[in-house]
Amino acid sequence: MIDDTLLQEFMQGFYGYGSFNAPFWFIGMEEGGGGSQDDIRKRLEAWDARGHRELEDVTGYHRAFGITRHWDEPVKLQPTWNKLIRVLMSIKNLKPSPSDLKEYQKDHLGRENDETCLLELMPLPSPGTSKWLYRDISSLPHLANRQSYLEEVAPIRIRHIRSQIASCNPPLVLFYGLGYMSYWQEIAGVTLEQQKLEGIYCARTKKTLFVAMKHPAAHSTGNEYFWQVGKWISAQLVSHVRHEQ
């Protein structure tokens, strides 16, 4: 069985990668991985050994539990991160080559004191929503099934993420996965309204542009969609700066 005390501390204390001071925040539902008890144990032990960080350096943390392929040559692009980088580069009016994507993933995405913050609403890694290994390796009652886990943990994490947004005022918070819109709207605290560009929902507060887009793994979602999302966001950010001036 997994150490339930450490598992509970991880659920309460780990939120993702990068820096809360970054201008570009990406928020997903949950991280992939966690397909075996051994993988989960290694992740927990690495987080424990590195000091229970709320935000980890993505490279240092993954290296600590044995995953290096997304940073060591030959760099392998991670499917979700790949699309997030495409959006970010499009915001900057850059059309990346495969080598550009690999360089950004290796040196910048989710790194300490850099420009991105990668958050997950739910803390426990899982290979898919149809799988739930935790009931077999933990005695925590709220991990008996995915629904009880969501009901117990999601409200706590939504409050904390909202608090960090209010404190740090990131210019952009980009949610991915339109099936989780109710959670995204709770975090934003405003209604995300559908835009003319298909698959885009948006709301704005004085300091932050909130955008929801399709998940990078969604069917029939190619690179052009993420390029268009980035162009659209760029126009909104420029418009907001002009309005403030």
C-alpha atoms as a PDB file:
ATOM      1  CA  MET A   1       0.000   0.000   0.000  1.00  0.00           C
ATOM      2  CA  ILE A   2       1.014   3.615  -0.580  1.00  0.00           C
ATOM      3  CA  ASP A   3       1.941   5.819   2.411  1.00  0.00           C
ATOM      4  CA  ASP A   4      -1.441   7.482   2.999  1.00  0.00           C
ATOM      5  CA  THR A   5       0.019  10.337   5.049  1.00  0.00           C
ATOM      6  CA  LEU A   6       2.367  11.300   2.223  1.00  0.00           C
ATOM      7  CA  LEU A   7      -0.391  10.787  -0.341  1.00  0.00           C
ATOM      8  CA  GLN A   8      -2.704  13.160   1.566  1.00  0.00           C
ATOM      9  CA  GLU A   9       0.076  15.748   1.902  1.00  0.00           C
ATOM     10  CA  PHE A  10       0.721  15.507  -1.848  1.00  0.00           C
ATOM     11  CA  MET A  11      -2.964  16.086  -2.636  1.00  0.00           C
ATOM     12  CA  GLN A  12      -2.997  19.137  -0.390  1.00  0.00           C
ATOM     13  CA  GLY A  13       0.374  20.546  -1.358  1.00  0.00           C
ATOM     14  CA  PHE A  14       1.330  19.846  -4.994  1.00  0.00           C
ATOM     15  CA  TYR A  15      -0.160  22.017  -7.742  1.00  0.00           C
ATOM     16  CA  GLY A  16       2.099  21.728 -10.767  1.00  0.00           C
ATOM     17  CA  TYR A  17       5.179  23.281 -12.322  1.00  0.00           C
ATOM     18  CA  GLY A  18       6.847  26.598 -12.972  1.00  0.00           C
ATOM     19  CA  SER A  19       6.172  29.867 -11.181  1.00  0.00           C
ATOM     20  CA  PHE A  20       3.073  31.646  -9.902  1.00  0.00           C
ATOM     21  CA  ASN A  21       4.787  34.876 -10.998  1.00  0.00           C
ATOM     22  CA  ALA A  22       4.799  33.728 -14.640  1.00  0.00           C
ATOM     23  CA  PRO A  23       2.646  35.668 -17.134  1.00  0.00           C
ATOM     24  CA  PHE A  24       1.299  32.556 -18.908  1.00  0.00           C
ATOM     25  CA  TRP A  25      -0.730  30.049 -16.864  1.00  0.00           C
ATOM     26  CA  PHE A  26      -2.026  26.746 -18.276  1.00  0.00           C
ATOM     27  CA  ILE A  27      -4.532  24.753 -16.230  1.00  0.00           C
ATOM     28  CA  GLY A  28      -5.576  21.188 -16.994  1.00  0.00           C
ATOM     29  CA  MET A  29      -7.685  18.625 -15.173  1.00  0.00           C
ATOM     30  CA  GLU A  30      -4.993  16.178 -14.081  1.00  0.00           C
ATOM     31  CA  GLU A  31      -1.556  14.972 -15.042  1.00  0.00           C
ATOM     32  CA  GLY A  32      -0.988  11.801 -16.998  1.00  0.00           C
ATOM     33  CA  GLY A  33       1.083   8.946 -15.625  1.00  0.00           C
ATOM     34  CA  GLY A  34       0.365   7.015 -12.469  1.00  0.00           C
ATOM     35  CA  GLY A  35      -0.306   3.816 -14.369  1.00  0.00           C
ATOM     36  CA  SER A  36       1.198   1.616 -11.683  1.00  0.00           C
ATOM     37  CA  GLN A  37       1.690   1.612  -7.934  1.00  0.00           C
ATOM     38  CA  ASP A  38       5.450   1.809  -8.482  1.00  0.00           C
ATOM     39  CA  ASP A  39       5.145   4.924 -10.660  1.00  0.00           C
ATOM     40  CA  ILE A  40       2.911   6.634  -8.094  1.00  0.00           C
ATOM     41  CA  ARG A  41       5.260   5.711  -5.257  1.00  0.00           C
ATOM     42  CA  LYS A  42       8.285   7.124  -7.107  1.00  0.00           C
ATOM     43  CA  ARG A  43       6.486  10.415  -7.782  1.00  0.00           C
ATOM     44  CA  LEU A  44       5.447  10.771  -4.147  1.00  0.00           C
ATOM     45  CA  GLU A  45       8.904   9.934  -2.835  1.00  0.00           C
ATOM     46  CA  ALA A  46      10.568  12.390  -5.217  1.00  0.00           C
ATOM     47  CA  TRP A  47       8.195  15.156  -4.124  1.00  0.00           C
ATOM     48  CA  ASP A  48       8.874  14.281  -0.494  1.00  0.00           C
ATOM     49  CA  ALA A  49      12.647  14.297  -0.957  1.00  0.00           C
ATOM     50  CA  ARG A  50      12.567  17.629  -2.785  1.00  0.00           C
ATOM     51  CA  GLY A  51      10.802  19.433   0.048  1.00  0.00           C
ATOM     52  CA  HIS A  52       7.049  19.256  -0.631  1.00  0.00           C
ATOM     53  CA  ARG A  53       7.103  22.054  -3.185  1.00  0.00           C
ATOM     54  CA  GLU A  54       3.792  23.573  -4.208  1.00  0.00           C
ATOM     55  CA  LEU A  55       5.220  24.221  -7.669  1.00  0.00           C
ATOM     56  CA  GLU A  56       8.030  22.019  -8.903  1.00  0.00           C
ATOM     57  CA  ASP A  57      10.620  22.575 -11.576  1.00  0.00           C
ATOM     58  CA  VAL A  58       9.277  20.191 -14.189  1.00  0.00           C
ATOM     59  CA  THR A  59      12.681  18.914 -15.283  1.00  0.00           C
ATOM     60  CA  GLY A  60      14.211  18.458 -11.846  1.00  0.00           C
ATOM     61  CA  TYR A  61      11.137  16.710 -10.504  1.00  0.00           C
ATOM     62  CA  HIS A  62      10.766  14.286 -13.395  1.00  0.00           C
ATOM     63  CA  ARG A  63      14.462  13.451 -13.349  1.00  0.00           C
ATOM     64  CA  ALA A  64      14.116  12.652  -9.636  1.00  0.00           C
ATOM     65  CA  PHE A  65      11.701   9.799 -10.398  1.00  0.00           C
ATOM     66  CA  GLY A  66      13.410   8.617 -13.547  1.00  0.00           C
ATOM     67  CA  ILE A  67      11.756  10.324 -16.538  1.00  0.00           C
ATOM     68  CA  THR A  68      14.307  12.103 -18.751  1.00  0.00           C
ATOM     69  CA  ARG A  69      13.096  11.596 -22.334  1.00  0.00           C
ATOM     70  CA  HIS A  70      11.465  15.029 -22.599  1.00  0.00           C
ATOM     71  CA  TRP A  71      14.744  16.813 -21.793  1.00  0.00           C
ATOM     72  CA  ASP A  72      17.667  14.585 -22.774  1.00  0.00           C
ATOM     73  CA  GLU A  73      18.740  14.230 -26.409  1.00  0.00           C
ATOM     74  CA  PRO A  74      17.067  13.047 -28.522  1.00  0.00           C
ATOM     75  CA  VAL A  75      14.245  15.082 -26.929  1.00  0.00           C
ATOM     76  CA  LYS A  76      10.803  13.489 -27.226  1.00  0.00           C
ATOM     77  CA  LEU A  77       7.915  15.960 -27.437  1.00  0.00           C
ATOM     78  CA  GLN A  78       5.231  15.404 -24.816  1.00  0.00           C
ATOM     79  CA  PRO A  79       1.845  15.404 -26.634  1.00  0.00           C
ATOM     80  CA  THR A  80      -0.004  17.845 -24.347  1.00  0.00           C
ATOM     81  CA  TRP A  81       2.919  20.187 -23.726  1.00  0.00           C
ATOM     82  CA  ASN A  82       3.658  20.251 -27.453  1.00  0.00           C
ATOM     83  CA  LYS A  83       0.280  21.897 -28.150  1.00  0.00           C
ATOM     84  CA  LEU A  84       0.554  24.318 -25.224  1.00  0.00           C
ATOM     85  CA  ILE A  85       3.917  25.472 -26.577  1.00  0.00           C
ATOM     86  CA  ARG A  86       2.354  25.955 -30.019  1.00  0.00           C
ATOM     87  CA  VAL A  87      -0.280  28.252 -28.490  1.00  0.00           C
ATOM     88  CA  LEU A  88       2.344  30.213 -26.590  1.00  0.00           C
ATOM     89  CA  MET A  89       4.563  30.674 -29.625  1.00  0.00           C
ATOM     90  CA  SER A  90       1.572  31.733 -31.688  1.00  0.00           C
ATOM     91  CA  ILE A  91       0.782  34.386 -29.063  1.00  0.00           C
ATOM     92  CA  LYS A  92       4.302  35.665 -29.743  1.00  0.00           C
ATOM     93  CA  ASN A  93       3.650  35.486 -33.507  1.00  0.00           C
ATOM     94  CA  LEU A  94       6.171  32.684 -33.937  1.00  0.00           C
ATOM     95  CA  LYS A  95       5.494  29.587 -36.030  1.00  0.00           C
ATOM     96  CA  PRO A  96       7.697  26.921 -34.456  1.00  0.00           C
ATOM     97  CA  SER A  97       9.615  24.152 -36.138  1.00  0.00           C
ATOM     98  CA  PRO A  98       9.851  20.765 -34.403  1.00  0.00           C
ATOM     99  CA  SER A  99      13.295  21.758 -33.124  1.00  0.00           C
ATOM    100  CA  ASP A 100      11.869  25.020 -31.712  1.00  0.00           C
ATOM    101  CA  LEU A 101       9.211  23.064 -29.834  1.00  0.00           C
ATOM    102  CA  LYS A 102      11.778  20.654 -28.424  1.00  0.00           C
ATOM    103  CA  GLU A 103      14.093  23.474 -27.367  1.00  0.00           C
ATOM    104  CA  TYR A 104      11.283  25.304 -25.553  1.00  0.00           C
ATOM    105  CA  GLN A 105      10.077  22.131 -23.843  1.00  0.00           C
ATOM    106  CA  LYS A 106      13.632  21.276 -22.768  1.00  0.00           C
ATOM    107  CA  ASP A 107      14.709  24.707 -21.511  1.00  0.00           C
ATOM    108  CA  HIS A 108      11.646  26.790 -20.617  1.00  0.00           C
ATOM    109  CA  LEU A 109       8.273  25.068 -20.136  1.00  0.00           C
ATOM    110  CA  GLY A 110       7.391  24.596 -16.481  1.00  0.00           C
ATOM    111  CA  ARG A 111      10.809  25.737 -15.278  1.00  0.00           C
ATOM    112  CA  GLU A 112      11.486  27.704 -12.126  1.00  0.00           C
ATOM    113  CA  ASN A 113      11.601  31.477 -12.581  1.00  0.00           C
ATOM    114  CA  ASP A 114      10.531  31.300 -16.236  1.00  0.00           C
ATOM    115  CA  GLU A 115       7.404  32.476 -18.061  1.00  0.00           C
ATOM    116  CA  THR A 116       4.982  29.565 -17.629  1.00  0.00           C
ATOM    117  CA  CYS A 117       2.922  28.107 -14.807  1.00  0.00           C
ATOM    118  CA  LEU A 118       1.502  24.623 -15.442  1.00  0.00           C
ATOM    119  CA  LEU A 119      -1.255  23.746 -12.994  1.00  0.00           C
ATOM    120  CA  GLU A 120      -3.528  20.746 -12.572  1.00  0.00           C
ATOM    121  CA  LEU A 121      -6.924  21.060 -10.916  1.00  0.00           C
ATOM    122  CA  MET A 122      -6.636  17.550  -9.481  1.00  0.00           C
ATOM    123  CA  PRO A 123      -3.325  16.443  -7.969  1.00  0.00           C
ATOM    124  CA  LEU A 124      -3.091  12.693  -8.568  1.00  0.00           C
ATOM    125  CA  PRO A 125      -1.622  11.445 -11.853  1.00  0.00           C
ATOM    126  CA  SER A 126      -3.804   9.067 -13.819  1.00  0.00           C
ATOM    127  CA  PRO A 127      -3.468   7.428 -17.245  1.00  0.00           C
ATOM    128  CA  GLY A 128      -7.125   8.221 -18.043  1.00  0.00           C
ATOM    129  CA  THR A 129     -10.492   9.080 -16.569  1.00  0.00           C
ATOM    130  CA  SER A 130     -11.708   5.485 -16.980  1.00  0.00           C
ATOM    131  CA  LYS A 131      -8.972   4.133 -14.707  1.00  0.00           C
ATOM    132  CA  TRP A 132      -8.765   4.517 -10.932  1.00  0.00           C
ATOM    133  CA  LEU A 133      -5.898   2.693  -9.272  1.00  0.00           C
ATOM    134  CA  TYR A 134      -5.994   4.541  -5.956  1.00  0.00           C
ATOM    135  CA  ARG A 135      -8.821   2.523  -4.413  1.00  0.00           C
ATOM    136  CA  ASP A 136      -6.547  -0.531  -4.553  1.00  0.00           C
ATOM    137  CA  ILE A 137      -3.433   1.066  -3.057  1.00  0.00           C
ATOM    138  CA  SER A 138      -4.817   3.532  -0.469  1.00  0.00           C
ATOM    139  CA  SER A 139      -7.144   3.284   2.521  1.00  0.00           C
ATOM    140  CA  LEU A 140      -8.186   6.947   2.333  1.00  0.00           C
ATOM    141  CA  PRO A 141     -12.014   6.883   2.125  1.00  0.00           C
ATOM    142  CA  HIS A 142     -12.294   9.686  -0.434  1.00  0.00           C
ATOM    143  CA  LEU A 143     -10.083   7.703  -2.821  1.00  0.00           C
ATOM    144  CA  ALA A 144     -12.575   4.827  -3.007  1.00  0.00           C
ATOM    145  CA  ASN A 145     -13.680   6.136  -6.407  1.00  0.00           C
ATOM    146  CA  ARG A 146     -13.065   9.084  -8.701  1.00  0.00           C
ATOM    147  CA  GLN A 147     -16.337  10.839  -7.837  1.00  0.00           C
ATOM    148  CA  SER A 148     -15.674  10.944  -4.075  1.00  0.00           C
ATOM    149  CA  TYR A 149     -12.139  12.150  -4.832  1.00  0.00           C
ATOM    150  CA  LEU A 150     -13.476  15.016  -6.966  1.00  0.00           C
ATOM    151  CA  GLU A 151     -16.066  16.003  -4.393  1.00  0.00           C
ATOM    152  CA  GLU A 152     -13.522  16.045  -1.567  1.00  0.00           C
ATOM    153  CA  VAL A 153     -10.494  17.586  -3.250  1.00  0.00           C
ATOM    154  CA  ALA A 154     -11.679  19.835  -6.110  1.00  0.00           C
ATOM    155  CA  PRO A 155     -13.296  22.590  -3.951  1.00  0.00           C
ATOM    156  CA  ILE A 156     -10.134  22.963  -1.859  1.00  0.00           C
ATOM    157  CA  ARG A 157      -7.903  23.277  -4.891  1.00  0.00           C
ATOM    158  CA  ILE A 158     -10.269  25.638  -6.704  1.00  0.00           C
ATOM    159  CA  ARG A 159     -10.145  27.998  -3.725  1.00  0.00           C
ATOM    160  CA  HIS A 160      -6.370  27.919  -3.614  1.00  0.00           C
ATOM    161  CA  ILE A 161      -5.905  28.461  -7.351  1.00  0.00           C
ATOM    162  CA  ARG A 162      -8.365  31.359  -7.229  1.00  0.00           C
ATOM    163  CA  SER A 163      -6.403  32.841  -4.347  1.00  0.00           C
ATOM    164  CA  GLN A 164      -3.152  32.610  -6.281  1.00  0.00           C
ATOM    165  CA  ILE A 165      -4.722  34.242  -9.337  1.00  0.00           C
ATOM    166  CA  ALA A 166      -6.026  37.099  -7.179  1.00  0.00           C
ATOM    167  CA  SER A 167      -2.589  37.527  -5.622  1.00  0.00           C
ATOM    168  CA  CYS A 168      -0.434  37.219  -8.756  1.00  0.00           C
ATOM    169  CA  ASN A 169      -2.749  38.673 -11.438  1.00  0.00           C
ATOM    170  CA  PRO A 170      -1.383  36.704 -14.416  1.00  0.00           C
ATOM    171  CA  PRO A 171      -2.208  38.353 -17.761  1.00  0.00           C
ATOM    172  CA  LEU A 172      -3.382  34.992 -19.182  1.00  0.00           C
ATOM    173  CA  VAL A 173      -4.971  31.899 -17.661  1.00  0.00           C
ATOM    174  CA  LEU A 174      -5.592  29.263 -20.339  1.00  0.00           C
ATOM    175  CA  PHE A 175      -7.722  26.253 -19.411  1.00  0.00           C
ATOM    176  CA  TYR A 176      -7.684  23.177 -21.645  1.00  0.00           C
ATOM    177  CA  GLY A 177     -10.457  20.610 -21.855  1.00  0.00           C
ATOM    178  CA  LEU A 178     -13.933  21.974 -22.580  1.00  0.00           C
ATOM    179  CA  GLY A 179     -15.605  19.104 -20.733  1.00  0.00           C
ATOM    180  CA  TYR A 180     -14.486  20.674 -17.466  1.00  0.00           C
ATOM    181  CA  MET A 181     -16.037  24.088 -18.094  1.00  0.00           C
ATOM    182  CA  SER A 182     -17.891  24.184 -14.773  1.00  0.00           C
ATOM    183  CA  TYR A 183     -14.584  23.884 -12.911  1.00  0.00           C
ATOM    184  CA  TRP A 184     -12.919  26.515 -15.094  1.00  0.00           C
ATOM    185  CA  GLN A 185     -15.722  28.979 -14.443  1.00  0.00           C
ATOM    186  CA  GLU A 186     -15.448  28.391 -10.697  1.00  0.00           C
ATOM    187  CA  ILE A 187     -11.743  29.172 -10.846  1.00  0.00           C
ATOM    188  CA  ALA A 188     -12.235  32.245 -13.027  1.00  0.00           C
ATOM    189  CA  GLY A 189     -15.168  33.484 -10.951  1.00  0.00           C
ATOM    190  CA  VAL A 190     -16.822  34.752 -14.131  1.00  0.00           C
ATOM    191  CA  THR A 191     -18.795  33.190 -16.989  1.00  0.00           C
ATOM    192  CA  LEU A 192     -16.680  32.034 -19.917  1.00  0.00           C
ATOM    193  CA  GLU A 193     -18.594  32.915 -23.071  1.00  0.00           C
ATOM    194  CA  GLN A 194     -18.315  31.188 -26.431  1.00  0.00           C
ATOM    195  CA  GLN A 195     -16.414  33.162 -29.068  1.00  0.00           C
ATOM    196  CA  LYS A 196     -16.672  33.284 -32.851  1.00  0.00           C
ATOM    197  CA  LEU A 197     -13.598  31.096 -33.167  1.00  0.00           C
ATOM    198  CA  GLU A 198     -14.865  27.542 -32.694  1.00  0.00           C
ATOM    199  CA  GLY A 199     -13.746  25.825 -29.524  1.00  0.00           C
ATOM    200  CA  ILE A 200     -12.862  29.010 -27.641  1.00  0.00           C
ATOM    201  CA  TYR A 201     -14.517  30.436 -24.531  1.00  0.00           C
ATOM    202  CA  CYS A 202     -13.396  33.624 -22.865  1.00  0.00           C
ATOM    203  CA  ALA A 203     -13.910  36.033 -19.976  1.00  0.00           C
ATOM    204  CA  ARG A 204     -11.923  38.976 -18.770  1.00  0.00           C
ATOM    205  CA  THR A 205     -11.344  40.620 -15.436  1.00  0.00           C
ATOM    206  CA  LYS A 206      -9.417  43.820 -14.935  1.00  0.00           C
ATOM    207  CA  LYS A 207      -6.073  42.027 -14.678  1.00  0.00           C
ATOM    208  CA  THR A 208      -6.546  38.612 -16.306  1.00  0.00           C
ATOM    209  CA  LEU A 209      -7.769  37.145 -19.583  1.00  0.00           C
ATOM    210  CA  PHE A 210      -9.370  33.721 -18.982  1.00  0.00           C
ATOM    211  CA  VAL A 211      -9.588  31.426 -22.010  1.00  0.00           C
ATOM    212  CA  ALA A 212     -10.818  27.831 -22.311  1.00  0.00           C
ATOM    213  CA  MET A 213      -9.850  25.742 -25.344  1.00  0.00           C
ATOM    214  CA  LYS A 214     -10.100  22.144 -26.479  1.00  0.00           C
ATOM    215  CA  HIS A 215      -7.812  19.604 -24.867  1.00  0.00           C
ATOM    216  CA  PRO A 216      -4.629  18.917 -26.847  1.00  0.00           C
ATOM    217  CA  ALA A 217      -5.636  15.236 -26.998  1.00  0.00           C
ATOM    218  CA  ALA A 218      -9.122  15.969 -28.374  1.00  0.00           C
ATOM    219  CA  HIS A 219      -9.999  14.179 -31.598  1.00  0.00           C
ATOM    220  CA  SER A 220      -9.822  16.187 -34.847  1.00  0.00           C
ATOM    221  CA  THR A 221      -7.776  18.933 -33.193  1.00  0.00           C
ATOM    222  CA  GLY A 222      -4.688  19.613 -35.276  1.00  0.00           C
ATOM    223  CA  ASN A 223      -1.808  22.047 -35.012  1.00  0.00           C
ATOM    224  CA  GLU A 224      -3.706  24.738 -36.925  1.00  0.00           C
ATOM    225  CA  TYR A 225      -6.321  24.974 -34.177  1.00  0.00           C
ATOM    226  CA  PHE A 226      -3.691  25.760 -31.557  1.00  0.00           C
ATOM    227  CA  TRP A 227      -2.032  28.264 -33.878  1.00  0.00           C
ATOM    228  CA  GLN A 228      -5.373  30.031 -34.308  1.00  0.00           C
ATOM    229  CA  VAL A 229      -6.008  29.984 -30.560  1.00  0.00           C
ATOM    230  CA  GLY A 230      -2.679  31.699 -29.984  1.00  0.00           C
ATOM    231  CA  LYS A 231      -3.348  34.345 -32.633  1.00  0.00           C
ATOM    232  CA  TRP A 232      -6.761  35.051 -31.117  1.00  0.00           C
ATOM    233  CA  ILE A 233      -5.316  35.351 -27.599  1.00  0.00           C
ATOM    234  CA  SER A 234      -2.573  37.653 -28.845  1.00  0.00           C
ATOM    235  CA  ALA A 235      -5.154  40.010 -30.351  1.00  0.00           C
ATOM    236  CA  GLN A 236      -7.125  40.045 -27.095  1.00  0.00           C
ATOM    237  CA  LEU A 237      -4.052  40.814 -25.015  1.00  0.00           C
ATOM    238  CA  VAL A 238      -2.970  43.634 -27.328  1.00  0.00           C
ATOM    239  CA  SER A 239      -6.484  45.078 -27.321  1.00  0.00           C
ATOM    240  CA  HIS A 240      -6.562  45.023 -23.523  1.00  0.00           C
ATOM    241  CA  VAL A 241      -3.215  46.824 -23.253  1.00  0.00           C
ATOM    242  CA  ARG A 242      -4.394  49.547 -25.645  1.00  0.00           C
ATOM    243  CA  HIS A 243      -7.629  49.931 -23.698  1.00  0.00           C
ATOM    244  CA  GLU A 244      -5.726  50.316 -20.413  1.00  0.00           C
ATOM    245  CA  GLN A 245      -3.511  52.987 -21.967  1.00  0.00           C
END
